[in-house]
C-alpha atoms as a PDB file:
ATOM      1  CA  MET A   1       5.861  -8.583  13.104  1.00  0.00           C
ATOM      2  CA  ASP A   2       2.913  -8.351  15.490  1.00  0.00           C
ATOM      3  CA  ASN A   3       1.023  -5.454  13.926  1.00  0.00           C
ATOM      4  CA  ILE A   4       0.983  -4.817  10.193  1.00  0.00           C
ATOM      5  CA  TYR A   5      -0.369  -1.609   8.716  1.00  0.00           C
ATOM      6  CA  VAL A   6      -1.564  -1.404   5.114  1.00  0.00           C
ATOM      7  CA  LEU A   7      -1.535   1.708   2.927  1.00  0.00           C
ATOM      8  CA  LYS A   8      -3.943   1.319   0.048  1.00  0.00           C
ATOM      9  CA  LYS A   9      -3.723   2.914  -3.374  1.00  0.00           C
ATOM     10  CA  LYS A  10      -6.011   5.797  -2.470  1.00  0.00           C
ATOM     11  CA  LYS A  11      -3.818   6.841   0.494  1.00  0.00           C
ATOM     12  CA  LEU A  12      -6.054   5.234   3.117  1.00  0.00           C
ATOM     13  CA  LEU A  13      -4.382   3.679   6.137  1.00  0.00           C
ATOM     14  CA  TYR A  14      -5.727   0.414   7.535  1.00  0.00           C
ATOM     15  CA  GLY A  15      -4.674  -1.598  10.539  1.00  0.00           C
ATOM     16  CA  PRO A  16      -3.082  -2.629  12.651  1.00  0.00           C
ATOM     17  CA  TYR A  17      -3.711  -6.187  11.534  1.00  0.00           C
ATOM     18  CA  SER A  18      -2.443  -9.355  13.137  1.00  0.00           C
ATOM     19  CA  MET A  19      -0.940 -12.118  11.039  1.00  0.00           C
ATOM     20  CA  GLU A  20      -4.152 -14.118  11.523  1.00  0.00           C
ATOM     21  CA  THR A  21      -6.183 -11.306   9.962  1.00  0.00           C
ATOM     22  CA  ILE A  22      -3.686 -10.955   7.109  1.00  0.00           C
ATOM     23  CA  LYS A  23      -4.036 -14.684   6.388  1.00  0.00           C
ATOM     24  CA  GLN A  24      -7.783 -14.159   5.954  1.00  0.00           C
ATOM     25  CA  LYS A  25      -7.760 -10.823   4.090  1.00  0.00           C
ATOM     26  CA  GLY A  26      -4.608 -11.103   1.995  1.00  0.00           C
ATOM     27  CA  PHE A  27      -2.946  -8.258   0.110  1.00  0.00           C
ATOM     28  CA  LYS A  28      -3.266  -6.726  -3.304  1.00  0.00           C
ATOM     29  CA  GLU A  29      -0.015  -6.503  -5.216  1.00  0.00           C
ATOM     30  CA  THR A  30      -0.234  -2.702  -5.105  1.00  0.00           C
ATOM     31  CA  ASP A  31      -0.538  -2.473  -1.292  1.00  0.00           C
ATOM     32  CA  LEU A  32       2.188  -0.828   0.742  1.00  0.00           C
ATOM     33  CA  VAL A  33       2.911  -2.183   4.215  1.00  0.00           C
ATOM     34  CA  TRP A  34       4.699  -1.022   7.316  1.00  0.00           C
ATOM     35  CA  TYR A  35       5.443  -2.709  10.611  1.00  0.00           C
ATOM     36  CA  GLU A  36       7.951  -2.110  13.362  1.00  0.00           C
ATOM     37  CA  GLY A  37      11.355  -2.837  11.889  1.00  0.00           C
ATOM     38  CA  LEU A  38      10.694  -1.408   8.410  1.00  0.00           C
ATOM     39  CA  GLU A  39      12.149   2.036   7.750  1.00  0.00           C
ATOM     40  CA  ASP A  40       9.354   3.200   5.453  1.00  0.00           C
ATOM     41  CA  TRP A  41       6.249   2.060   3.590  1.00  0.00           C
ATOM     42  CA  THR A  42       7.281  -0.886   1.451  1.00  0.00           C
ATOM     43  CA  PRO A  43       5.520  -2.623  -1.456  1.00  0.00           C
ATOM     44  CA  VAL A  44       4.192  -5.916  -0.136  1.00  0.00           C
ATOM     45  CA  LYS A  45       5.893  -7.779  -2.989  1.00  0.00           C
ATOM     46  CA  GLN A  46       9.281  -6.717  -1.541  1.00  0.00           C
ATOM     47  CA  VAL A  47       8.647  -8.312   1.871  1.00  0.00           C
ATOM     48  CA  ALA A  48       9.560 -11.983   1.576  1.00  0.00           C
ATOM     49  CA  ASP A  49       7.524 -13.079   4.625  1.00  0.00           C
ATOM     50  CA  LEU A  50       4.337 -11.585   3.173  1.00  0.00           C
ATOM     51  CA  LEU A  51       4.571 -12.781  -0.446  1.00  0.00           C
ATOM     52  CA  VAL A  52       2.389 -15.819   0.238  1.00  0.00           C
ATOM     53  CA  PHE A  53      -0.482 -13.529   1.236  1.00  0.00           C
ATOM     54  CA  ILE A  54      -0.723 -11.640  -2.063  1.00  0.00           C
ATOM     55  CA  LYS A  55      -4.008 -12.393  -3.798  1.00  0.00           C
ATOM     56  CA  GLN A  56      -3.669 -13.225  -7.456  1.00  0.00           C
ATOM     57  CA  GLU A  57      -6.140 -11.252  -9.547  1.00  0.00           C
ATOM     58  CA  GLN A  58      -7.920 -13.200 -12.225  1.00  0.00           C
ATOM     59  CA  LYS A  59      -7.039 -11.981 -15.699  1.00  0.00           C
ATOM     60  CA  GLY A  60     -10.050 -11.075 -17.750  1.00  0.00           C
ATOM     61  CA  GLN A  61     -12.153 -10.661 -14.642  1.00  0.00           C
ATOM     62  CA  GLN A  62     -13.353  -7.087 -14.342  1.00  0.00           C
ATOM     63  CA  LYS A  63     -14.592  -5.613 -11.136  1.00  0.00           C
ATOM     64  CA  PRO A  64     -18.167  -4.377 -11.324  1.00  0.00           C
ATOM     65  CA  LYS A  65     -18.573  -0.721 -12.178  1.00  0.00           C
ATOM     66  CA  THR A  66     -19.622   1.592  -9.390  1.00  0.00           C
ATOM     67  CA  PHE A  67     -22.739   3.718  -9.645  1.00  0.00           C
ATOM     68  CA  PHE A  68     -20.640   6.782 -10.512  1.00  0.00           C
ATOM     69  CA  GLU A  69     -18.599   4.923 -13.127  1.00  0.00           C
ATOM     70  CA  LYS A  70     -21.833   3.902 -14.802  1.00  0.00           C
ATOM     71  CA  LEU A  71     -23.341   7.355 -14.521  1.00  0.00           C
ATOM     72  CA  PHE A  72     -20.311   9.314 -15.730  1.00  0.00           C
ATOM     73  CA  GLY A  73     -18.741   6.659 -17.966  1.00  0.00           C
ATOM     74  CA  PHE A  74     -19.354   8.787 -21.034  1.00  0.00           C
ATOM     75  CA  LEU A  75     -16.676  11.223 -19.783  1.00  0.00           C
ATOM     76  CA  ASN A  76     -13.846   8.746 -20.443  1.00  0.00           C
END
């Protein structure tokens, strides 16, 4: 598992990352990963060796709204 690729929610591909980089960055629970040996993109929570690197999101903590979310928030 030398190089790990990460597919984010918005279909953006990142990587390759080394295990050292993964230890620093971590994963979101919704990330898909692929590395040599996996048949297809796999949810990170289904790869036992990578479970320890999933960041736990704080409940009740909201991410700040982007400029466009603030500007067009009335459309929701």
